[in-house]
Amino acid sequence: MTNSSVIRSIRRGSAMVALSIGLLAAPAALAKDVIIHAGQLIDGVSRTTRSNVSILIHDDRIVSVTPGFTEQAGAEVVDLSKSTVLPGLIDTHVHLLLQLGSGSPMLNQVTRTAYDELLDGTGYARKTLLAGFTSVRDVGGYTPAIVALKKAVAAGTVTGPRMWVAGSILGPTGGHADFSTGFDEALSKPEWTDGIIDGPEEAIKVVRAHHRAGVDLIKIVPSGGVASVGDDPHAQLMTDAEIKAVVETAHTLHMKVAAHAHGAVAVDHASQIGVDSIEHGSFANDASYKIMKSNGTYLVPTLIAGDTVVQYAKKHPEVLKPSVAAKALAVGPVMSQNAFNAYKAGVKMAFGTDAGVYPHGQNGREFELLVKAGIPAIDAILMATSAAADLIGDADDIGTIQPGRYADIIATTGNPLTDITELQRVAFVMKGGQIVKATGQ
């Protein structure tokens, strides 16, 4: 369908809604009623699709989903009868203030400020939304900056997805959250140590401070990382007491806890203590899957991150920090098999990419890697819709196309169940009842 045909399809009476670049700014007013004619519908609820369905939207919410192509007096019609329609996608692991690969990371760290990162983040947020991701969970960015971006998007002054933010990640001195590692100790920036916690009392205090600052969840790093200097991904670097202090404090404040963990020991201990999700989980094993399944812990596998850092290590090691390339070559290749093993074991899984490790706006590549790993296309899609909404904790608003949810809706020209790469070419994006990308744009 051409862009002009979509415009014609929503014309009613003497007025025509212009699908121009102006729609990417804050909308002046919401349409009263809109009906989407969906040729194929993947609703995020069922594993089966429906054909020829009408979705009635009032303002920013879905009112009904009914068989056939219906019309209603005074309602605008968006003709997606030749397309596959899905809920707006959800990425539960992004870093909107980060972009690896654009110059030396250590030089950037001492020459760029949080203001630079925030301005870049406005562009990354827009790219993410236009790629079909209408909601994201940002799991690591300097707290004042990422909270400001979230507020700007919510206010409509910046174009982007709905955001749930963790702020600065929490971990021990010298661990994955300590961005001063590798620099002269005389150098210091607030964002380098904003999340350092050593001991349960510090953990409690920093969680409370993050909550006061406006974050929605807490991200901890109980294991070493890949992109950080001098730590071991296999090692558990946070004590159980520190993890427990974070989890209990965060849950008391009605915030979930995401745990970056590569090694099996950190995965197992964090799951047993009660974190809500394990990010990466690269070296988890059968015992780990049993613990996660027993505790209802989600796995967010981030396969595209592993694939990207391996490619950097092989072709462009200069864009990585010292010691990172060796870790990338060890961790990256095991992530795909781990994701499939967890899926087969029945572990709850949510879609997440680690956007910022690879270029923003390419989030849809994760689907291709999940399917290549052996996960069926429909389950990969459910990971990015209803499962992701459940992990975030807002399944009443996002993640499915059913009455009462936000009208966050996307469409592809082809069927992603037969060609998962269609989700790398999202043709139509609606957020909260407002069209931000029309077919042909």
Protein backbone atom coordinates (compact mmCIF):
# COMPACT_ATOMS: atom_id res chain seq x y z
CA MET A 1 0.00 0.00 0.00
CA THR A 2 1.34 3.46 -0.81
CA ASN A 3 1.50 6.30 1.64
CA SER A 4 -1.12 8.19 -0.37
CA SER A 5 -3.55 5.26 -0.19
CA VAL A 6 -3.26 5.18 3.60
CA ILE A 7 -3.98 8.90 3.69
CA ARG A 8 -7.02 8.41 1.46
CA SER A 9 -8.22 5.55 3.63
CA ILE A 10 -8.53 7.74 6.69
CA ARG A 11 -10.31 10.60 4.90
CA ARG A 12 -13.84 11.24 6.10
CA GLY A 13 -16.00 14.28 5.25
CA SER A 14 -14.10 17.41 4.19
CA ALA A 15 -11.15 16.91 6.54
CA MET A 16 -8.07 14.84 5.83
CA VAL A 17 -5.50 13.77 8.40
CA ALA A 18 -2.04 14.63 7.02
CA LEU A 19 0.48 11.87 7.60
CA SER A 20 3.51 14.12 7.38
CA ILE A 21 6.65 14.55 9.39
CA GLY A 22 4.66 16.76 11.69
CA LEU A 23 3.08 13.66 13.15
CA LEU A 24 6.45 12.88 14.73
CA ALA A 25 6.05 15.87 17.03
CA ALA A 26 3.63 16.07 19.94
CA PRO A 27 0.06 15.66 18.62
CA ALA A 28 -2.23 18.63 19.00
CA ALA A 29 -5.33 16.53 19.62
CA LEU A 30 -6.46 12.93 19.58
CA ALA A 31 -8.89 11.63 17.00
CA LYS A 32 -12.30 10.81 18.44
CA ASP A 33 -12.68 7.37 16.86
CA VAL A 34 -10.46 5.34 14.51
CA ILE A 35 -11.09 1.91 12.99
CA ILE A 36 -8.19 -0.20 11.73
CA HIS A 37 -9.01 -2.84 9.14
CA ALA A 38 -6.45 -5.60 9.75
CA GLY A 39 -5.95 -8.22 7.05
CA GLN A 40 -4.10 -10.54 9.44
CA LEU A 41 -3.99 -10.00 13.19
CA ILE A 42 -1.44 -11.33 15.68
CA ASP A 43 -2.96 -10.00 18.90
CA GLY A 44 -0.27 -10.96 21.44
CA VAL A 45 -2.81 -13.04 23.37
CA SER A 46 -3.22 -16.13 21.20
CA ARG A 47 -0.71 -18.26 19.30
CA THR A 48 -3.08 -18.21 16.32
CA THR A 49 -3.82 -15.41 13.86
CA ARG A 50 -7.14 -13.96 12.76
CA SER A 51 -8.10 -12.69 9.32
CA ASN A 52 -10.15 -9.61 8.38
CA VAL A 53 -10.58 -7.94 11.75
CA SER A 54 -11.65 -4.43 12.76
CA ILE A 55 -10.00 -2.66 15.71
CA LEU A 56 -12.01 0.26 17.11
CA ILE A 57 -9.99 2.93 18.89
CA HIS A 58 -11.32 5.82 20.95
CA ASP A 59 -8.71 8.46 21.73
CA ASP A 60 -5.67 6.47 22.92
CA ARG A 61 -7.33 3.16 23.86
CA ILE A 62 -8.67 0.10 22.06
CA VAL A 63 -12.44 -0.26 22.46
CA SER A 64 -13.16 -3.48 20.58
CA VAL A 65 -11.72 -6.10 18.26
CA THR A 66 -14.40 -7.58 16.02
CA PRO A 67 -14.63 -9.92 12.98
CA GLY A 68 -15.03 -8.41 9.54
CA PHE A 69 -14.32 -4.96 8.17
CA THR A 70 -16.76 -2.63 9.89
CA GLU A 71 -17.30 1.11 9.72
CA GLN A 72 -18.84 3.57 12.13
CA ALA A 73 -20.36 6.98 11.53
CA GLY A 74 -17.79 9.69 12.18
CA ALA A 75 -14.90 7.25 12.58
CA GLU A 76 -11.75 7.43 10.48
CA VAL A 77 -10.69 4.19 8.80
CA VAL A 78 -7.06 3.07 8.46
CA ASP A 79 -6.86 0.45 5.74
CA LEU A 80 -4.35 -2.27 6.68
CA SER A 81 -6.36 -4.99 4.97
CA LYS A 82 -3.31 -6.15 3.02
CA SER A 83 -1.01 -6.13 6.06
CA THR A 84 -0.25 -8.13 9.19
CA VAL A 85 -1.15 -6.15 12.31
CA LEU A 86 0.51 -6.69 15.72
CA PRO A 87 0.71 -5.00 19.10
CA GLY A 88 3.42 -2.38 19.42
CA LEU A 89 6.63 -4.26 20.17
CA ILE A 90 8.39 -4.06 23.54
CA ASP A 91 12.16 -4.18 24.11
CA THR A 92 12.89 -4.85 27.76
CA HIS A 93 16.64 -4.22 27.57
CA VAL A 94 17.80 -0.98 25.95
CA HIS A 95 20.29 1.80 26.71
CA LEU A 96 18.98 4.93 25.01
CA LEU A 97 21.91 7.06 26.21
CA LEU A 98 24.56 4.71 24.80
CA GLN A 99 25.92 3.93 21.35
CA LEU A 100 28.89 1.58 21.17
CA GLY A 101 31.01 1.71 18.05
CA SER A 102 31.08 5.47 17.53
CA GLY A 103 34.74 6.11 18.34
CA SER A 104 36.93 4.98 21.22
CA PRO A 105 34.74 4.21 24.23
CA MET A 106 37.38 5.32 26.73
CA LEU A 107 38.01 8.59 24.88
CA ASN A 108 34.28 9.21 24.67
CA GLN A 109 34.01 8.59 28.40
CA VAL A 110 36.33 11.50 29.22
CA THR A 111 35.32 13.92 26.45
CA ARG A 112 31.54 13.57 26.37
CA THR A 113 29.11 14.60 29.10
CA ALA A 114 25.73 13.35 30.23
CA TYR A 115 24.24 16.31 28.32
CA ASP A 116 25.73 14.96 25.08
CA GLU A 117 24.33 11.53 25.83
CA LEU A 118 20.88 12.94 26.59
CA LEU A 119 20.75 14.87 23.32
CA ASP A 120 21.83 11.77 21.42
CA GLY A 121 19.18 9.82 23.31
CA THR A 122 16.39 11.93 21.84
CA GLY A 123 17.39 10.70 18.40
CA TYR A 124 17.79 7.10 19.54
CA ALA A 125 14.32 7.18 21.11
CA ARG A 126 12.79 8.34 17.84
CA LYS A 127 14.58 5.62 15.85
CA THR A 128 13.36 3.00 18.32
CA LEU A 129 9.73 4.08 18.00
CA LEU A 130 9.85 4.21 14.21
CA ALA A 131 11.24 0.65 14.22
CA GLY A 132 7.96 -0.47 15.79
CA PHE A 133 8.96 -0.55 19.45
CA THR A 134 6.30 1.46 21.25
CA SER A 135 7.53 0.55 24.76
CA VAL A 136 10.99 -0.02 26.22
CA ARG A 137 12.64 -0.80 29.52
CA ASP A 138 15.87 1.20 29.76
CA VAL A 139 18.13 -0.78 32.07
CA GLY A 140 21.13 1.47 32.50
CA GLY A 141 21.69 5.18 32.00
CA TYR A 142 22.80 8.05 34.26
CA THR A 143 19.78 8.58 36.49
CA PRO A 144 19.07 12.33 36.03
CA ALA A 145 19.53 12.11 32.26
CA ILE A 146 17.41 9.03 31.55
CA VAL A 147 14.63 10.21 33.90
CA ALA A 148 14.62 13.53 32.02
CA LEU A 149 14.30 11.71 28.68
CA LYS A 150 11.44 9.61 30.02
CA LYS A 151 9.61 12.74 31.21
CA ALA A 152 10.14 14.51 27.89
CA VAL A 153 8.72 11.55 25.94
CA ALA A 154 5.74 11.30 28.29
CA ALA A 155 5.07 15.02 27.87
CA GLY A 156 5.23 14.73 24.08
CA THR A 157 8.13 17.13 23.64
CA VAL A 158 10.38 14.29 22.44
CA THR A 159 9.24 11.51 20.11
CA GLY A 160 9.87 8.06 21.51
CA PRO A 161 8.45 4.90 23.03
CA ARG A 162 6.84 4.57 26.43
CA MET A 163 9.73 4.25 28.87
CA TRP A 164 10.35 2.38 32.10
CA VAL A 165 13.80 3.34 33.37
CA ALA A 166 16.28 1.89 35.87
CA GLY A 167 18.69 4.80 36.09
CA SER A 168 22.31 4.08 36.93
CA ILE A 169 23.05 0.39 37.37
CA LEU A 170 23.99 -0.85 40.86
CA GLY A 171 27.07 -2.92 41.65
CA PRO A 172 30.26 -3.08 43.69
CA THR A 173 33.49 -1.14 43.40
CA GLY A 174 35.47 -2.52 40.46
CA GLY A 175 32.48 -4.32 38.99
CA HIS A 176 30.36 -3.83 35.89
CA ALA A 177 28.74 -0.69 37.36
CA ASP A 178 32.04 1.03 38.18
CA PHE A 179 32.84 3.11 35.10
CA SER A 180 35.96 4.61 36.68
CA THR A 181 37.85 1.33 36.30
CA GLY A 182 40.85 1.74 34.02
CA PHE A 183 41.21 5.49 34.52
CA ASP A 184 43.55 7.57 36.66
CA GLU A 185 42.01 7.69 40.13
CA ALA A 186 42.27 11.48 40.00
CA LEU A 187 39.59 11.46 37.29
CA SER A 188 35.99 11.37 38.41
CA LYS A 189 32.51 12.03 37.04
CA PRO A 190 29.23 11.61 38.95
CA GLU A 191 27.83 9.20 36.37
CA TRP A 192 30.84 6.87 36.81
CA THR A 193 30.05 6.01 40.41
CA ASP A 194 26.36 6.89 40.81
CA GLY A 195 25.45 3.23 41.28
CA ILE A 196 28.35 1.94 43.38
CA ILE A 197 27.19 -0.11 46.37
CA ASP A 198 29.47 -1.90 48.83
CA GLY A 199 27.47 -3.61 51.55
CA PRO A 200 23.75 -4.00 52.27
CA GLU A 201 23.37 -0.60 53.95
CA GLU A 202 24.73 1.23 50.92
CA ALA A 203 22.49 -0.89 48.71
CA ILE A 204 19.39 0.10 50.65
CA LYS A 205 20.29 3.79 50.57
CA VAL A 206 21.02 3.90 46.83
CA VAL A 207 17.81 2.04 45.93
CA ARG A 208 15.83 4.55 47.97
CA ALA A 209 17.67 7.45 46.31
CA HIS A 210 16.96 6.02 42.86
CA HIS A 211 13.27 5.71 43.73
CA ARG A 212 13.22 9.32 44.93
CA ALA A 213 14.84 10.38 41.65
CA GLY A 214 12.01 8.88 39.61
CA VAL A 215 13.16 5.49 38.32
CA ASP A 216 10.69 2.66 37.72
CA LEU A 217 12.88 -0.37 38.41
CA ILE A 218 16.35 -1.27 39.69
CA LYS A 219 19.13 -2.89 37.66
CA ILE A 220 21.90 -4.72 39.53
CA VAL A 221 25.05 -6.36 38.18
CA PRO A 222 25.82 -9.34 40.42
CA SER A 223 28.27 -10.81 37.91
CA GLY A 224 31.10 -9.31 35.93
CA GLY A 225 30.32 -8.06 32.45
CA VAL A 226 31.59 -8.20 28.89
CA ALA A 227 31.84 -4.51 27.96
CA SER A 228 33.45 -3.51 31.28
CA VAL A 229 37.15 -3.52 32.10
CA GLY A 230 38.87 -6.00 34.39
CA ASP A 231 35.94 -8.03 35.74
CA ASP A 232 35.02 -11.68 35.18
CA PRO A 233 31.61 -12.59 33.69
CA HIS A 234 31.76 -15.96 35.48
CA ALA A 235 32.30 -14.44 38.93
CA GLN A 236 29.59 -13.36 41.35
CA LEU A 237 30.82 -9.95 42.46
CA MET A 238 27.87 -8.89 44.63
CA THR A 239 27.28 -10.72 47.89
CA ASP A 240 23.99 -12.47 48.54
CA ALA A 241 23.38 -9.98 51.34
CA GLU A 242 23.78 -7.05 48.92
CA ILE A 243 21.44 -8.65 46.38
CA LYS A 244 18.87 -9.38 49.09
CA ALA A 245 19.01 -5.81 50.38
CA VAL A 246 18.35 -4.45 46.89
CA VAL A 247 15.51 -6.88 46.16
CA GLU A 248 13.72 -6.37 49.47
CA THR A 249 14.02 -2.58 49.33
CA ALA A 250 12.98 -2.32 45.69
CA HIS A 251 10.00 -4.64 46.10
CA THR A 252 8.86 -2.71 49.17
CA LEU A 253 8.87 0.39 46.95
CA HIS A 254 6.90 -1.52 44.26
CA MET A 255 9.85 -1.63 41.86
CA LYS A 256 11.06 -4.71 40.02
CA VAL A 257 14.71 -5.79 39.91
CA ALA A 258 16.61 -6.76 36.77
CA ALA A 259 19.90 -8.60 37.30
CA HIS A 260 22.73 -8.58 34.76
CA ALA A 261 24.26 -12.04 35.25
CA HIS A 262 26.39 -14.14 32.91
CA GLY A 263 27.83 -16.84 35.19
CA ALA A 264 25.70 -19.67 36.54
CA VAL A 265 26.49 -18.89 40.20
CA ALA A 266 25.23 -15.31 39.91
CA VAL A 267 22.22 -16.43 37.87
CA ASP A 268 21.28 -19.06 40.46
CA HIS A 269 21.79 -16.89 43.54
CA ALA A 270 20.01 -13.83 42.11
CA SER A 271 17.05 -15.97 41.02
CA GLN A 272 16.78 -17.67 44.41
CA ILE A 273 16.91 -14.34 46.22
CA GLY A 274 14.03 -13.01 44.13
CA VAL A 275 15.09 -10.80 41.23
CA ASP A 276 12.42 -10.45 38.56
CA SER A 277 14.64 -11.02 35.54
CA ILE A 278 18.04 -12.28 34.56
CA GLU A 279 19.62 -10.25 31.78
CA HIS A 280 21.83 -12.27 29.41
CA GLY A 281 22.23 -15.41 31.58
CA SER A 282 24.92 -16.60 29.19
CA PHE A 283 26.40 -19.48 31.19
CA ALA A 284 23.21 -20.71 32.84
CA ASN A 285 22.76 -24.48 32.97
CA ASP A 286 20.04 -27.05 33.60
CA ALA A 287 20.13 -26.39 37.34
CA SER A 288 19.82 -22.67 36.67
CA TYR A 289 16.74 -23.20 34.50
CA LYS A 290 15.07 -25.22 37.26
CA ILE A 291 15.74 -22.46 39.78
CA MET A 292 14.47 -19.76 37.42
CA LYS A 293 11.36 -21.73 36.54
CA SER A 294 10.64 -22.45 40.20
CA ASN A 295 10.93 -18.77 41.12
CA GLY A 296 9.14 -17.39 38.06
CA THR A 297 12.27 -15.50 36.99
CA TYR A 298 12.32 -14.16 33.46
CA LEU A 299 15.29 -14.56 31.13
CA VAL A 300 16.08 -11.70 28.74
CA PRO A 301 18.63 -13.32 26.39
CA THR A 302 19.89 -10.30 24.28
CA LEU A 303 21.27 -12.38 21.41
CA ILE A 304 21.96 -9.42 19.15
CA ALA A 305 24.31 -7.97 21.78
CA GLY A 306 26.36 -11.15 21.84
CA ASP A 307 26.47 -11.31 18.06
CA THR A 308 27.48 -7.64 17.79
CA VAL A 309 30.35 -7.71 20.29
CA VAL A 310 31.75 -10.84 18.62
CA GLN A 311 31.78 -9.00 15.29
CA TYR A 312 33.47 -5.99 16.90
CA ALA A 313 36.07 -8.24 18.52
CA LYS A 314 36.86 -9.92 15.20
CA LYS A 315 36.74 -6.91 12.88
CA HIS A 316 36.99 -3.72 14.94
CA PRO A 317 38.60 -4.45 18.34
CA GLU A 318 39.68 -0.80 18.53
CA VAL A 319 36.10 0.23 19.42
CA LEU A 320 36.19 -1.97 22.54
CA LYS A 321 37.83 -1.26 25.88
CA PRO A 322 40.95 -3.22 26.91
CA SER A 323 40.21 -6.89 27.76
CA VAL A 324 36.69 -6.68 26.33
CA ALA A 325 37.43 -8.38 23.00
CA ALA A 326 38.61 -11.60 24.68
CA LYS A 327 35.50 -11.73 26.86
CA ALA A 328 33.23 -11.04 23.89
CA LEU A 329 34.70 -13.97 21.95
CA ALA A 330 34.05 -16.25 24.93
CA VAL A 331 30.54 -15.08 25.84
CA GLY A 332 28.92 -14.26 22.50
CA PRO A 333 28.89 -17.74 20.96
CA VAL A 334 27.15 -19.41 23.93
CA MET A 335 24.22 -17.00 24.22
CA SER A 336 22.17 -18.48 21.38
CA GLN A 337 22.34 -22.04 22.71
CA ASN A 338 21.53 -20.81 26.20
CA ALA A 339 18.38 -19.07 24.94
CA PHE A 340 17.16 -22.23 23.22
CA ASN A 341 17.96 -24.40 26.25
CA ALA A 342 16.04 -22.04 28.53
CA TYR A 343 13.09 -22.03 26.12
CA LYS A 344 13.01 -25.84 26.00
CA ALA A 345 13.20 -25.96 29.80
CA GLY A 346 10.11 -23.77 30.10
CA VAL A 347 11.77 -20.68 31.57
CA LYS A 348 9.72 -17.51 31.15
CA MET A 349 11.39 -15.34 28.50
CA ALA A 350 11.02 -11.72 27.46
CA PHE A 351 12.41 -9.91 24.43
CA GLY A 352 15.43 -7.66 25.00
CA THR A 353 18.29 -6.60 22.80
CA ASP A 354 20.83 -4.44 24.68
CA ALA A 355 20.24 -1.66 22.14
CA GLY A 356 23.14 0.74 22.32
CA VAL A 357 25.62 -2.11 22.08
CA TYR A 358 24.42 -2.25 18.45
CA PRO A 359 22.83 0.67 16.50
CA HIS A 360 19.45 1.84 17.75
CA GLY A 361 16.52 1.20 15.46
CA GLN A 362 17.75 -2.25 14.48
CA ASN A 363 16.02 -3.96 17.43
CA GLY A 364 14.03 -6.20 15.09
CA ARG A 365 17.16 -8.22 14.25
CA GLU A 366 16.76 -9.96 17.61
CA PHE A 367 13.73 -11.83 16.25
CA GLU A 368 15.80 -13.33 13.46
CA LEU A 369 18.43 -14.54 15.92
CA LEU A 370 15.82 -16.02 18.27
CA VAL A 371 14.24 -17.98 15.43
CA LYS A 372 17.67 -19.06 14.18
CA ALA A 373 18.36 -20.36 17.71
CA GLY A 374 15.31 -22.63 17.44
CA ILE A 375 12.53 -20.58 19.06
CA PRO A 376 9.30 -20.58 16.97
CA ALA A 377 8.40 -17.24 15.41
CA ILE A 378 5.12 -16.91 17.32
CA ASP A 379 6.89 -17.44 20.63
CA ALA A 380 9.54 -14.88 19.74
CA ILE A 381 6.72 -12.41 18.99
CA LEU A 382 4.95 -13.22 22.26
CA MET A 383 8.26 -12.56 24.04
CA ALA A 384 8.10 -9.00 22.65
CA THR A 385 4.42 -8.44 23.39
CA SER A 386 2.47 -10.07 26.23
CA ALA A 387 5.49 -11.59 28.00
CA ALA A 388 7.43 -8.33 27.90
CA ALA A 389 4.39 -6.45 29.22
CA ASP A 390 4.11 -8.92 32.09
CA LEU A 391 7.78 -8.52 32.98
CA ILE A 392 7.47 -4.73 32.96
CA GLY A 393 4.38 -5.02 35.13
CA ASP A 394 1.88 -3.21 32.91
CA ALA A 395 0.02 -5.94 31.04
CA ASP A 396 -3.24 -4.02 31.54
CA ASP A 397 -1.98 -1.27 29.23
CA ILE A 398 0.53 -2.65 26.72
CA GLY A 399 1.57 -5.81 24.90
CA THR A 400 -1.72 -7.00 23.41
CA ILE A 401 -4.47 -5.88 21.07
CA GLN A 402 -7.59 -6.19 23.15
CA PRO A 403 -10.13 -3.80 24.71
CA GLY A 404 -8.77 -1.42 27.31
CA ARG A 405 -5.15 -1.46 26.15
CA TYR A 406 -3.35 1.48 24.65
CA ALA A 407 -3.73 1.69 20.89
CA ASP A 408 -0.06 0.83 20.36
CA ILE A 409 -0.24 -0.97 17.03
CA ILE A 410 2.18 -1.82 14.21
CA ALA A 411 1.88 -3.49 10.83
CA THR A 412 4.14 -5.29 8.39
CA THR A 413 3.64 -5.76 4.66
CA GLY A 414 4.32 -9.50 4.84
CA ASN A 415 3.61 -12.10 7.51
CA PRO A 416 6.36 -12.36 10.18
CA LEU A 417 5.24 -15.89 11.03
CA THR A 418 6.52 -17.03 7.64
CA ASP A 419 9.35 -14.49 7.36
CA ILE A 420 10.48 -13.19 10.73
CA THR A 421 12.66 -10.56 9.05
CA GLU A 422 9.44 -8.63 8.30
CA LEU A 423 9.83 -7.25 11.84
CA GLN A 424 12.97 -5.47 10.64
CA ARG A 425 10.80 -3.60 8.12
CA VAL A 426 7.84 -2.37 10.15
CA ALA A 427 5.70 -0.30 7.77
CA PHE A 428 3.14 1.26 10.12
CA VAL A 429 3.40 2.47 13.70
CA MET A 430 0.67 3.85 15.94
CA LYS A 431 1.31 4.89 19.53
CA GLY A 432 -1.61 5.75 21.76
CA GLY A 433 -3.98 6.16 18.82
CA GLN A 434 -1.65 8.50 16.92
CA ILE A 435 -0.02 7.41 13.65
CA VAL A 436 3.71 8.13 13.83
CA LYS A 437 4.72 6.13 10.77
CA ALA A 438 2.54 5.34 7.76
CA THR A 439 3.13 2.80 5.05
CA GLY A 440 5.66 4.14 2.59
CA GLN A 441 7.50 6.42 5.04
